[in-house]
N, C-alpha and C. Protein backbone atom coordinates (compact mmCIF):
# COMPACT_ATOMS: atom_id res chain seq x y z
N MET A 1 0.83 -1.20 0.00
CA MET A 1 0.00 0.00 0.00
C MET A 1 0.87 1.26 0.00
N ARG A 2 1.94 1.22 0.80
CA ARG A 2 2.82 2.37 0.86
C ARG A 2 3.48 2.63 -0.49
N TYR A 3 3.81 1.57 -1.20
CA TYR A 3 4.41 1.69 -2.53
C TYR A 3 3.45 2.39 -3.50
N VAL A 4 2.16 2.07 -3.45
CA VAL A 4 1.16 2.69 -4.31
C VAL A 4 1.03 4.18 -3.98
N THR A 5 1.02 4.52 -2.71
CA THR A 5 0.94 5.92 -2.29
C THR A 5 2.13 6.71 -2.80
N ILE A 6 3.32 6.13 -2.70
CA ILE A 6 4.52 6.81 -3.19
C ILE A 6 4.45 7.00 -4.69
N LEU A 7 4.02 5.97 -5.41
CA LEU A 7 3.88 6.08 -6.86
C LEU A 7 2.88 7.15 -7.26
N LEU A 8 1.73 7.19 -6.59
CA LEU A 8 0.72 8.20 -6.89
C LEU A 8 1.24 9.60 -6.60
N SER A 9 1.97 9.78 -5.51
CA SER A 9 2.54 11.08 -5.18
C SER A 9 3.54 11.51 -6.24
N PHE A 10 4.40 10.57 -6.65
CA PHE A 10 5.39 10.87 -7.67
C PHE A 10 4.73 11.21 -9.01
N ALA A 11 3.67 10.49 -9.35
CA ALA A 11 2.96 10.75 -10.61
C ALA A 11 2.31 12.13 -10.58
N SER A 12 1.76 12.52 -9.44
CA SER A 12 1.14 13.85 -9.38
C SER A 12 2.18 14.95 -9.47
N LEU A 13 3.36 14.75 -8.89
CA LEU A 13 4.43 15.74 -9.02
C LEU A 13 4.87 15.85 -10.47
N SER A 14 5.00 14.72 -11.13
CA SER A 14 5.41 14.73 -12.54
C SER A 14 4.38 15.43 -13.40
N ALA A 15 3.11 15.19 -13.13
CA ALA A 15 2.05 15.82 -13.91
C ALA A 15 2.05 17.33 -13.70
N CYS A 16 2.34 17.77 -12.47
CA CYS A 16 2.36 19.20 -12.19
C CYS A 16 3.48 19.88 -12.96
N ALA A 17 4.62 19.20 -13.06
CA ALA A 17 5.78 19.81 -13.71
C ALA A 17 5.64 19.87 -15.22
N GLN A 18 4.72 19.08 -15.79
CA GLN A 18 4.56 19.06 -17.23
C GLN A 18 3.19 19.60 -17.62
N LEU A 19 3.04 20.88 -17.50
CA LEU A 19 1.79 21.53 -17.88
C LEU A 19 1.66 21.60 -19.39
N ASP A 20 0.46 21.59 -19.86
CA ASP A 20 0.18 21.81 -21.27
C ASP A 20 0.13 23.34 -21.46
N LEU A 21 1.21 23.90 -21.98
CA LEU A 21 1.29 25.36 -22.10
C LEU A 21 0.20 25.93 -23.01
N GLU A 22 -0.17 25.19 -24.03
CA GLU A 22 -1.25 25.66 -24.91
C GLU A 22 -2.57 25.74 -24.15
N ALA A 23 -2.85 24.73 -23.33
CA ALA A 23 -4.08 24.75 -22.53
C ALA A 23 -4.04 25.90 -21.52
N GLU A 24 -2.88 26.14 -20.93
CA GLU A 24 -2.75 27.24 -19.98
C GLU A 24 -2.91 28.59 -20.68
N ARG A 25 -2.39 28.69 -21.88
CA ARG A 25 -2.54 29.92 -22.65
C ARG A 25 -4.02 30.17 -22.95
N CYS A 26 -4.73 29.11 -23.30
CA CYS A 26 -6.17 29.23 -23.54
C CYS A 26 -6.90 29.64 -22.27
N ALA A 27 -6.52 29.04 -21.15
CA ALA A 27 -7.14 29.41 -19.87
C ALA A 27 -6.89 30.88 -19.57
N MET A 28 -5.68 31.35 -19.87
CA MET A 28 -5.35 32.77 -19.66
C MET A 28 -6.25 33.65 -20.53
N LEU A 29 -6.38 33.28 -21.81
CA LEU A 29 -7.19 34.08 -22.72
C LEU A 29 -8.67 34.07 -22.33
N ASN A 30 -9.08 33.00 -21.65
CA ASN A 30 -10.47 32.89 -21.20
C ASN A 30 -10.68 33.51 -19.82
N GLY A 31 -9.64 34.17 -19.28
CA GLY A 31 -9.80 34.93 -18.04
C GLY A 31 -9.38 34.24 -16.77
N ASP A 32 -8.81 33.05 -16.84
CA ASP A 32 -8.40 32.32 -15.65
C ASP A 32 -6.96 32.65 -15.26
N VAL A 33 -6.65 33.93 -15.16
CA VAL A 33 -5.28 34.35 -14.89
C VAL A 33 -4.80 33.82 -13.55
N HIS A 34 -5.60 33.94 -12.51
CA HIS A 34 -5.17 33.50 -11.18
C HIS A 34 -4.98 31.98 -11.14
N GLY A 35 -5.85 31.24 -11.82
CA GLY A 35 -5.69 29.78 -11.89
C GLY A 35 -4.42 29.39 -12.62
N VAL A 36 -4.11 30.10 -13.71
CA VAL A 36 -2.89 29.83 -14.46
C VAL A 36 -1.67 30.11 -13.59
N VAL A 37 -1.68 31.22 -12.88
CA VAL A 37 -0.57 31.57 -11.98
C VAL A 37 -0.37 30.45 -10.97
N GLN A 38 -1.45 29.99 -10.36
CA GLN A 38 -1.35 28.95 -9.34
C GLN A 38 -0.79 27.65 -9.93
N ARG A 39 -1.28 27.24 -11.09
CA ARG A 39 -0.82 25.98 -11.69
C ARG A 39 0.65 26.08 -12.13
N ILE A 40 1.04 27.21 -12.69
CA ILE A 40 2.44 27.35 -13.13
C ILE A 40 3.37 27.41 -11.94
N GLU A 41 3.00 28.17 -10.90
CA GLU A 41 3.84 28.23 -9.70
C GLU A 41 4.00 26.84 -9.09
N GLN A 42 2.93 26.07 -9.07
CA GLN A 42 3.01 24.70 -8.54
C GLN A 42 3.92 23.84 -9.41
N ALA A 43 3.79 23.97 -10.72
CA ALA A 43 4.64 23.20 -11.63
C ALA A 43 6.11 23.57 -11.45
N LEU A 44 6.38 24.85 -11.26
CA LEU A 44 7.77 25.29 -11.08
C LEU A 44 8.36 24.76 -9.77
N GLN A 45 7.52 24.64 -8.74
CA GLN A 45 8.00 24.10 -7.46
C GLN A 45 8.42 22.64 -7.60
N HIS A 46 7.75 21.92 -8.50
CA HIS A 46 8.00 20.49 -8.66
C HIS A 46 8.77 20.17 -9.93
N LEU A 47 9.41 21.17 -10.48
CA LEU A 47 10.13 20.99 -11.74
C LEU A 47 11.28 20.01 -11.56
N HIS A 48 11.36 19.06 -12.42
CA HIS A 48 12.42 18.05 -12.37
C HIS A 48 13.70 18.64 -12.95
N LYS A 49 14.84 18.25 -12.42
CA LYS A 49 16.12 18.77 -12.90
C LYS A 49 16.37 18.44 -14.36
N ALA A 50 15.75 17.38 -14.84
CA ALA A 50 15.95 16.96 -16.23
C ALA A 50 15.03 17.69 -17.21
N THR A 51 14.21 18.60 -16.69
CA THR A 51 13.32 19.35 -17.57
C THR A 51 14.14 20.17 -18.54
N PRO A 52 13.82 20.10 -19.83
CA PRO A 52 14.58 20.89 -20.81
C PRO A 52 14.54 22.39 -20.48
N THR A 53 15.66 23.04 -20.71
CA THR A 53 15.80 24.46 -20.40
C THR A 53 14.73 25.30 -21.08
N LEU A 54 14.45 25.00 -22.33
CA LEU A 54 13.47 25.79 -23.08
C LEU A 54 12.09 25.67 -22.44
N GLU A 55 11.71 24.48 -22.00
CA GLU A 55 10.42 24.29 -21.33
C GLU A 55 10.37 25.08 -20.02
N HIS A 56 11.46 25.04 -19.26
CA HIS A 56 11.56 25.78 -18.00
C HIS A 56 11.41 27.29 -18.27
N ALA A 57 12.14 27.78 -19.27
CA ALA A 57 12.08 29.21 -19.62
C ALA A 57 10.66 29.60 -20.04
N ARG A 58 10.02 28.75 -20.83
CA ARG A 58 8.65 29.07 -21.28
C ARG A 58 7.66 29.11 -20.12
N LEU A 59 7.83 28.24 -19.14
CA LEU A 59 6.98 28.30 -17.95
C LEU A 59 7.17 29.63 -17.22
N LEU A 60 8.43 30.02 -17.03
CA LEU A 60 8.72 31.29 -16.36
C LEU A 60 8.16 32.48 -17.15
N GLU A 61 8.30 32.44 -18.47
CA GLU A 61 7.79 33.53 -19.30
C GLU A 61 6.27 33.61 -19.24
N MET A 62 5.62 32.46 -19.23
CA MET A 62 4.16 32.48 -19.15
C MET A 62 3.71 33.01 -17.79
N LEU A 63 4.43 32.64 -16.74
CA LEU A 63 4.10 33.16 -15.42
C LEU A 63 4.30 34.68 -15.40
N GLY A 64 5.38 35.15 -16.01
CA GLY A 64 5.58 36.59 -16.13
C GLY A 64 4.46 37.25 -16.91
N GLU A 65 4.00 36.58 -17.95
CA GLU A 65 2.89 37.10 -18.76
C GLU A 65 1.63 37.26 -17.91
N GLN A 66 1.40 36.31 -17.01
CA GLN A 66 0.22 36.39 -16.15
C GLN A 66 0.32 37.60 -15.22
N TYR A 67 1.51 37.80 -14.65
CA TYR A 67 1.69 38.95 -13.77
C TYR A 67 1.59 40.26 -14.56
N HIS A 68 2.03 40.25 -15.80
CA HIS A 68 1.87 41.42 -16.67
C HIS A 68 0.38 41.71 -16.85
N ARG A 69 -0.42 40.68 -17.07
CA ARG A 69 -1.87 40.84 -17.23
C ARG A 69 -2.50 41.39 -15.96
N LEU A 70 -1.92 41.07 -14.82
CA LEU A 70 -2.42 41.56 -13.54
C LEU A 70 -1.84 42.94 -13.19
N SER A 71 -1.08 43.50 -14.12
CA SER A 71 -0.41 44.80 -13.95
C SER A 71 0.61 44.79 -12.82
N ASP A 72 1.19 43.63 -12.56
CA ASP A 72 2.27 43.50 -11.58
C ASP A 72 3.56 43.35 -12.36
N ILE A 73 4.02 44.44 -12.94
CA ILE A 73 5.16 44.40 -13.86
C ILE A 73 6.46 44.03 -13.15
N GLY A 74 6.56 44.32 -11.87
CA GLY A 74 7.76 43.95 -11.12
C GLY A 74 7.95 42.44 -11.06
N HIS A 75 6.87 41.72 -10.73
CA HIS A 75 6.93 40.25 -10.71
C HIS A 75 7.16 39.71 -12.12
N ALA A 76 6.49 40.30 -13.09
CA ALA A 76 6.67 39.85 -14.49
C ALA A 76 8.13 39.93 -14.88
N LYS A 77 8.76 41.06 -14.59
CA LYS A 77 10.16 41.25 -14.97
C LYS A 77 11.07 40.23 -14.28
N GLN A 78 10.80 39.94 -13.02
CA GLN A 78 11.63 38.95 -12.31
C GLN A 78 11.61 37.60 -13.03
N TYR A 79 10.43 37.15 -13.41
CA TYR A 79 10.33 35.85 -14.11
C TYR A 79 10.94 35.92 -15.50
N TRP A 80 10.70 37.02 -16.20
CA TRP A 80 11.27 37.17 -17.55
C TRP A 80 12.79 37.21 -17.51
N ASP A 81 13.36 37.85 -16.49
CA ASP A 81 14.83 37.91 -16.37
C ASP A 81 15.44 36.53 -16.12
N VAL A 82 14.81 35.75 -15.26
CA VAL A 82 15.31 34.39 -15.00
C VAL A 82 15.21 33.54 -16.27
N ALA A 83 14.10 33.67 -16.98
CA ALA A 83 13.93 32.92 -18.22
C ALA A 83 14.99 33.32 -19.25
N LEU A 84 15.27 34.60 -19.35
CA LEU A 84 16.31 35.07 -20.28
C LEU A 84 17.66 34.48 -19.91
N ALA A 85 17.98 34.48 -18.63
CA ALA A 85 19.26 33.92 -18.18
C ALA A 85 19.36 32.43 -18.54
N LEU A 86 18.26 31.70 -18.39
CA LEU A 86 18.25 30.28 -18.77
C LEU A 86 18.49 30.12 -20.27
N ARG A 87 17.80 30.94 -21.06
CA ARG A 87 17.95 30.86 -22.52
C ARG A 87 19.38 31.23 -22.94
N GLN A 88 19.95 32.26 -22.32
CA GLN A 88 21.32 32.66 -22.64
C GLN A 88 22.31 31.57 -22.29
N ARG A 89 22.15 30.98 -21.12
CA ARG A 89 23.06 29.93 -20.68
C ARG A 89 22.99 28.71 -21.60
N ALA A 90 21.80 28.34 -22.03
CA ALA A 90 21.63 27.13 -22.85
C ALA A 90 21.93 27.35 -24.32
N PHE A 91 21.59 28.54 -24.85
CA PHE A 91 21.66 28.74 -26.30
C PHE A 91 22.62 29.85 -26.72
N GLY A 92 23.09 30.64 -25.77
CA GLY A 92 24.00 31.73 -26.09
C GLY A 92 23.30 33.07 -26.11
N ASP A 93 24.09 34.10 -25.86
CA ASP A 93 23.58 35.47 -25.76
C ASP A 93 23.04 35.99 -27.08
N SER A 94 23.54 35.48 -28.19
CA SER A 94 23.14 35.98 -29.51
C SER A 94 22.22 35.02 -30.25
N SER A 95 21.58 34.13 -29.53
CA SER A 95 20.73 33.12 -30.16
C SER A 95 19.32 33.64 -30.40
N ALA A 96 18.63 32.96 -31.29
CA ALA A 96 17.22 33.27 -31.53
C ALA A 96 16.40 33.00 -30.27
N GLU A 97 16.80 31.98 -29.52
CA GLU A 97 16.08 31.67 -28.29
C GLU A 97 16.23 32.80 -27.27
N ALA A 98 17.41 33.40 -27.19
CA ALA A 98 17.61 34.54 -26.29
C ALA A 98 16.82 35.75 -26.78
N ALA A 99 16.58 35.82 -28.09
CA ALA A 99 15.81 36.95 -28.64
C ALA A 99 14.44 37.05 -28.00
N VAL A 100 13.85 35.91 -27.67
CA VAL A 100 12.54 35.92 -27.00
C VAL A 100 12.66 36.64 -25.66
N GLY A 101 13.73 36.36 -24.93
CA GLY A 101 13.95 37.04 -23.65
C GLY A 101 14.13 38.54 -23.81
N TYR A 102 14.82 38.94 -24.87
CA TYR A 102 14.99 40.38 -25.13
C TYR A 102 13.66 41.03 -25.49
N ALA A 103 12.80 40.28 -26.17
CA ALA A 103 11.48 40.81 -26.50
C ALA A 103 10.66 41.04 -25.23
N TYR A 104 10.78 40.13 -24.26
CA TYR A 104 10.09 40.34 -22.98
C TYR A 104 10.67 41.53 -22.25
N ARG A 105 11.98 41.74 -22.33
CA ARG A 105 12.58 42.94 -21.72
C ARG A 105 12.04 44.19 -22.40
N ALA A 106 11.91 44.15 -23.72
CA ALA A 106 11.35 45.29 -24.44
C ALA A 106 9.92 45.55 -23.97
N ARG A 107 9.16 44.48 -23.76
CA ARG A 107 7.78 44.63 -23.27
C ARG A 107 7.77 45.32 -21.91
N TYR A 108 8.68 44.91 -21.03
CA TYR A 108 8.77 45.53 -19.71
C TYR A 108 9.06 47.03 -19.85
N HIS A 109 10.06 47.38 -20.65
CA HIS A 109 10.43 48.80 -20.78
C HIS A 109 9.33 49.60 -21.48
N ASN A 110 8.61 48.99 -22.42
CA ASN A 110 7.48 49.68 -23.03
C ASN A 110 6.40 49.97 -22.00
N TYR A 111 6.15 49.02 -21.12
CA TYR A 111 5.17 49.21 -20.07
C TYR A 111 5.59 50.35 -19.15
N MET A 112 6.87 50.36 -18.80
CA MET A 112 7.38 51.36 -17.88
C MET A 112 7.55 52.74 -18.53
N ALA A 113 7.58 52.79 -19.86
CA ALA A 113 7.81 54.07 -20.55
C ALA A 113 6.65 55.04 -20.39
N ALA A 114 5.45 54.55 -20.12
CA ALA A 114 4.32 55.46 -19.95
C ALA A 114 4.56 56.41 -18.77
N PRO A 115 4.88 55.89 -17.57
CA PRO A 115 5.12 56.82 -16.47
C PRO A 115 6.56 57.35 -16.41
N GLN A 116 7.50 56.64 -17.05
CA GLN A 116 8.90 57.02 -16.94
C GLN A 116 9.54 56.96 -18.33
N GLN A 117 9.63 58.10 -18.98
CA GLN A 117 10.11 58.16 -20.37
C GLN A 117 11.51 57.61 -20.58
N GLU A 118 12.34 57.57 -19.55
CA GLU A 118 13.70 57.07 -19.74
C GLU A 118 13.72 55.58 -20.10
N HIS A 119 12.60 54.90 -19.95
CA HIS A 119 12.53 53.48 -20.33
C HIS A 119 12.38 53.29 -21.84
N GLN A 120 11.92 54.30 -22.56
CA GLN A 120 11.66 54.12 -23.99
C GLN A 120 12.91 53.75 -24.79
N PRO A 121 14.04 54.44 -24.62
CA PRO A 121 15.24 54.02 -25.35
C PRO A 121 15.69 52.60 -24.99
N LEU A 122 15.45 52.20 -23.74
CA LEU A 122 15.79 50.84 -23.33
C LEU A 122 14.90 49.82 -24.04
N ALA A 123 13.63 50.16 -24.21
CA ALA A 123 12.71 49.28 -24.95
C ALA A 123 13.19 49.13 -26.38
N TRP A 124 13.58 50.23 -27.01
CA TRP A 124 14.07 50.17 -28.39
C TRP A 124 15.32 49.31 -28.48
N LYS A 125 16.22 49.50 -27.52
CA LYS A 125 17.48 48.74 -27.52
C LYS A 125 17.20 47.23 -27.41
N GLU A 126 16.34 46.85 -26.49
CA GLU A 126 16.04 45.42 -26.31
C GLU A 126 15.30 44.84 -27.51
N ALA A 127 14.39 45.60 -28.09
CA ALA A 127 13.67 45.12 -29.29
C ALA A 127 14.63 44.97 -30.46
N ASP A 128 15.52 45.93 -30.64
CA ASP A 128 16.52 45.83 -31.70
C ASP A 128 17.41 44.60 -31.49
N ARG A 129 17.81 44.37 -30.26
CA ARG A 129 18.65 43.22 -29.94
C ARG A 129 17.91 41.91 -30.24
N ALA A 130 16.63 41.88 -29.90
CA ALA A 130 15.82 40.70 -30.19
C ALA A 130 15.76 40.43 -31.69
N VAL A 131 15.50 41.47 -32.46
CA VAL A 131 15.37 41.31 -33.90
C VAL A 131 16.69 40.85 -34.53
N ARG A 132 17.79 41.41 -34.07
CA ARG A 132 19.11 41.00 -34.61
C ARG A 132 19.41 39.53 -34.34
N ASN A 133 18.89 39.01 -33.25
CA ASN A 133 19.21 37.63 -32.86
C ASN A 133 18.26 36.59 -33.43
N VAL A 134 17.21 36.99 -34.08
CA VAL A 134 16.23 36.02 -34.55
C VAL A 134 16.86 35.02 -35.50
N GLY A 135 17.53 35.49 -36.54
CA GLY A 135 18.27 34.61 -37.44
C GLY A 135 17.56 33.33 -37.81
N ASN A 136 18.23 32.23 -37.58
CA ASN A 136 17.72 30.91 -37.93
C ASN A 136 17.03 30.32 -36.70
N ALA A 137 15.80 30.68 -36.49
CA ALA A 137 15.07 30.29 -35.29
C ALA A 137 14.40 28.93 -35.47
N LYS A 138 15.05 27.91 -34.95
CA LYS A 138 14.51 26.55 -35.08
C LYS A 138 13.60 26.18 -33.92
N ASN A 139 13.88 26.67 -32.73
CA ASN A 139 13.16 26.24 -31.54
C ASN A 139 12.04 27.17 -31.12
N LEU A 140 11.76 28.22 -31.88
CA LEU A 140 10.74 29.17 -31.46
C LEU A 140 9.35 28.66 -31.81
N SER A 141 8.45 28.85 -30.88
CA SER A 141 7.05 28.50 -31.14
C SER A 141 6.41 29.63 -31.95
N ALA A 142 5.24 29.38 -32.48
CA ALA A 142 4.51 30.40 -33.24
C ALA A 142 4.23 31.61 -32.36
N LEU A 143 3.90 31.37 -31.09
CA LEU A 143 3.60 32.49 -30.20
C LEU A 143 4.85 33.28 -29.84
N GLU A 144 6.00 32.61 -29.73
CA GLU A 144 7.25 33.34 -29.49
C GLU A 144 7.61 34.19 -30.70
N SER A 145 7.40 33.66 -31.89
CA SER A 145 7.64 34.44 -33.11
C SER A 145 6.71 35.65 -33.16
N ALA A 146 5.46 35.45 -32.76
CA ALA A 146 4.51 36.56 -32.73
C ALA A 146 4.91 37.62 -31.73
N LEU A 147 5.43 37.19 -30.57
CA LEU A 147 5.92 38.14 -29.56
C LEU A 147 7.03 38.99 -30.14
N LEU A 148 7.98 38.35 -30.80
CA LEU A 148 9.09 39.09 -31.41
C LEU A 148 8.57 40.08 -32.44
N GLN A 149 7.68 39.64 -33.29
CA GLN A 149 7.12 40.51 -34.32
C GLN A 149 6.35 41.67 -33.70
N ARG A 150 5.58 41.38 -32.66
CA ARG A 150 4.78 42.41 -32.00
C ARG A 150 5.67 43.49 -31.39
N GLU A 151 6.72 43.08 -30.72
CA GLU A 151 7.61 44.06 -30.10
C GLU A 151 8.32 44.89 -31.15
N LEU A 152 8.75 44.25 -32.22
CA LEU A 152 9.39 44.98 -33.31
C LEU A 152 8.43 46.01 -33.91
N GLU A 153 7.22 45.60 -34.20
CA GLU A 153 6.25 46.51 -34.80
C GLU A 153 5.88 47.66 -33.87
N LEU A 154 5.80 47.36 -32.59
CA LEU A 154 5.50 48.41 -31.62
C LEU A 154 6.61 49.46 -31.62
N ILE A 155 7.86 49.01 -31.67
CA ILE A 155 8.99 49.93 -31.69
C ILE A 155 8.99 50.75 -32.99
N VAL A 156 8.74 50.09 -34.11
CA VAL A 156 8.69 50.80 -35.39
C VAL A 156 7.60 51.86 -35.35
N GLU A 157 6.45 51.51 -34.84
CA GLU A 157 5.34 52.46 -34.75
C GLU A 157 5.71 53.65 -33.86
N GLN A 158 6.33 53.37 -32.73
CA GLN A 158 6.68 54.44 -31.81
C GLN A 158 7.76 55.35 -32.40
N ARG A 159 8.71 54.78 -33.10
CA ARG A 159 9.79 55.57 -33.66
C ARG A 159 9.36 56.38 -34.87
N THR A 160 8.56 55.79 -35.74
CA THR A 160 8.26 56.44 -37.01
C THR A 160 6.85 57.00 -37.10
N GLY A 161 5.95 56.50 -36.29
CA GLY A 161 4.56 56.92 -36.41
C GLY A 161 3.92 56.41 -37.69
N SER A 162 4.54 55.37 -38.31
CA SER A 162 4.03 54.86 -39.58
C SER A 162 2.71 54.13 -39.39
N GLY A 163 1.96 54.05 -40.45
CA GLY A 163 0.68 53.35 -40.43
C GLY A 163 0.81 51.88 -40.71
N HIS A 164 2.04 51.36 -40.82
CA HIS A 164 2.23 49.96 -41.15
C HIS A 164 2.01 49.04 -39.96
N TYR A 165 1.96 49.61 -38.78
CA TYR A 165 1.85 48.83 -37.56
C TYR A 165 0.62 47.93 -37.58
N PHE A 166 -0.55 48.50 -37.86
CA PHE A 166 -1.78 47.73 -37.79
C PHE A 166 -1.79 46.60 -38.81
N THR A 167 -1.35 46.88 -40.03
CA THR A 167 -1.33 45.86 -41.08
C THR A 167 -0.44 44.69 -40.67
N THR A 168 0.73 44.99 -40.15
CA THR A 168 1.64 43.92 -39.77
C THR A 168 1.10 43.18 -38.56
N ARG A 169 0.50 43.88 -37.63
CA ARG A 169 -0.08 43.21 -36.46
C ARG A 169 -1.16 42.24 -36.91
N GLN A 170 -1.95 42.62 -37.93
CA GLN A 170 -2.97 41.69 -38.43
C GLN A 170 -2.33 40.41 -38.93
N SER A 171 -1.20 40.50 -39.63
CA SER A 171 -0.56 39.30 -40.13
C SER A 171 0.01 38.47 -38.99
N VAL A 172 0.50 39.12 -37.95
CA VAL A 172 1.00 38.40 -36.78
C VAL A 172 -0.14 37.66 -36.12
N TYR A 173 -1.28 38.34 -35.96
CA TYR A 173 -2.40 37.70 -35.31
C TYR A 173 -2.96 36.56 -36.16
N SER A 174 -2.87 36.66 -37.47
CA SER A 174 -3.35 35.56 -38.29
C SER A 174 -2.49 34.33 -38.08
N ASN A 175 -1.19 34.52 -37.77
CA ASN A 175 -0.32 33.39 -37.49
C ASN A 175 -0.69 32.71 -36.18
N THR A 176 -1.20 33.45 -35.22
CA THR A 176 -1.56 32.87 -33.93
C THR A 176 -3.06 32.65 -33.82
N ASN A 177 -3.78 32.89 -34.88
CA ASN A 177 -5.23 32.76 -34.87
C ASN A 177 -5.67 31.34 -34.57
N ARG A 178 -4.90 30.36 -35.00
CA ARG A 178 -5.26 28.96 -34.74
C ARG A 178 -5.37 28.73 -33.24
N THR A 179 -4.42 29.24 -32.48
CA THR A 179 -4.45 29.07 -31.03
C THR A 179 -5.66 29.77 -30.45
N SER A 180 -5.88 31.02 -30.85
CA SER A 180 -7.00 31.78 -30.32
C SER A 180 -8.33 31.12 -30.64
N SER A 181 -8.48 30.63 -31.87
CA SER A 181 -9.76 30.02 -32.23
C SER A 181 -9.99 28.74 -31.44
N ARG A 182 -8.92 27.98 -31.15
CA ARG A 182 -9.07 26.78 -30.32
C ARG A 182 -9.45 27.18 -28.90
N CYS A 183 -8.90 28.26 -28.41
CA CYS A 183 -9.17 28.69 -27.05
C CYS A 183 -10.60 29.15 -26.87
N PHE A 184 -11.13 29.82 -27.88
CA PHE A 184 -12.46 30.41 -27.74
C PHE A 184 -13.55 29.57 -28.39
N SER A 185 -13.22 28.42 -28.94
CA SER A 185 -14.21 27.63 -29.66
C SER A 185 -15.33 27.13 -28.74
N GLY A 186 -15.04 26.96 -27.46
CA GLY A 186 -16.06 26.45 -26.55
C GLY A 186 -16.91 27.54 -25.93
N ILE A 187 -16.67 28.78 -26.27
CA ILE A 187 -17.41 29.88 -25.67
C ILE A 187 -18.54 30.28 -26.59
N SER A 188 -19.74 30.30 -26.07
CA SER A 188 -20.85 30.74 -26.91
C SER A 188 -20.93 32.25 -26.87
N GLN A 189 -21.20 32.81 -28.00
CA GLN A 189 -21.30 34.27 -28.09
C GLN A 189 -22.75 34.66 -28.09
N SER A 190 -23.05 35.66 -27.28
CA SER A 190 -24.44 36.11 -27.22
C SER A 190 -24.77 36.95 -28.44
N PRO A 191 -25.99 36.86 -28.95
CA PRO A 191 -26.35 37.64 -30.12
C PRO A 191 -26.35 39.13 -29.82
N SER A 192 -26.01 39.94 -30.82
CA SER A 192 -25.97 41.40 -30.60
C SER A 192 -27.29 42.03 -30.86
């Protein structure tokens, strides 16, 4: 009996550490931000040492994204910084994988630029760094690519005031539309 209890405990820890990030992203889009935070924090507590670095970084980035949605940019930045350090250590400072971390840094500085203008040049610097590192991106997910594109377009819009921002954002969203449509497919829409 004790052996079964140990096995069940171990299986639940393993399940916690291997979240379905797509399902969590859908839960986030459907408004379950606090639930996503709780599940990701629990998964991170039980993360196995053999967990691939990229998976670990993505969990941290998603947790940062949740705190960003809650307007807790300080917590978001902490998680994004740790994820960037993991990506840099595993793939190098100039890798496409590290570019995702730079895009999150750009997001942080863009958020902070509203009340503190000195953050704007830092946002541009991080977005430029992200774009330079994209190169041959083999390990990036569609959503990571969209993040990079979004940050780049935001910087271009802010610098130039060009009208190309909306058009390009539409193409970025069409690339991630599959995820969004899967997330919202179970929600009934009320008639207008």
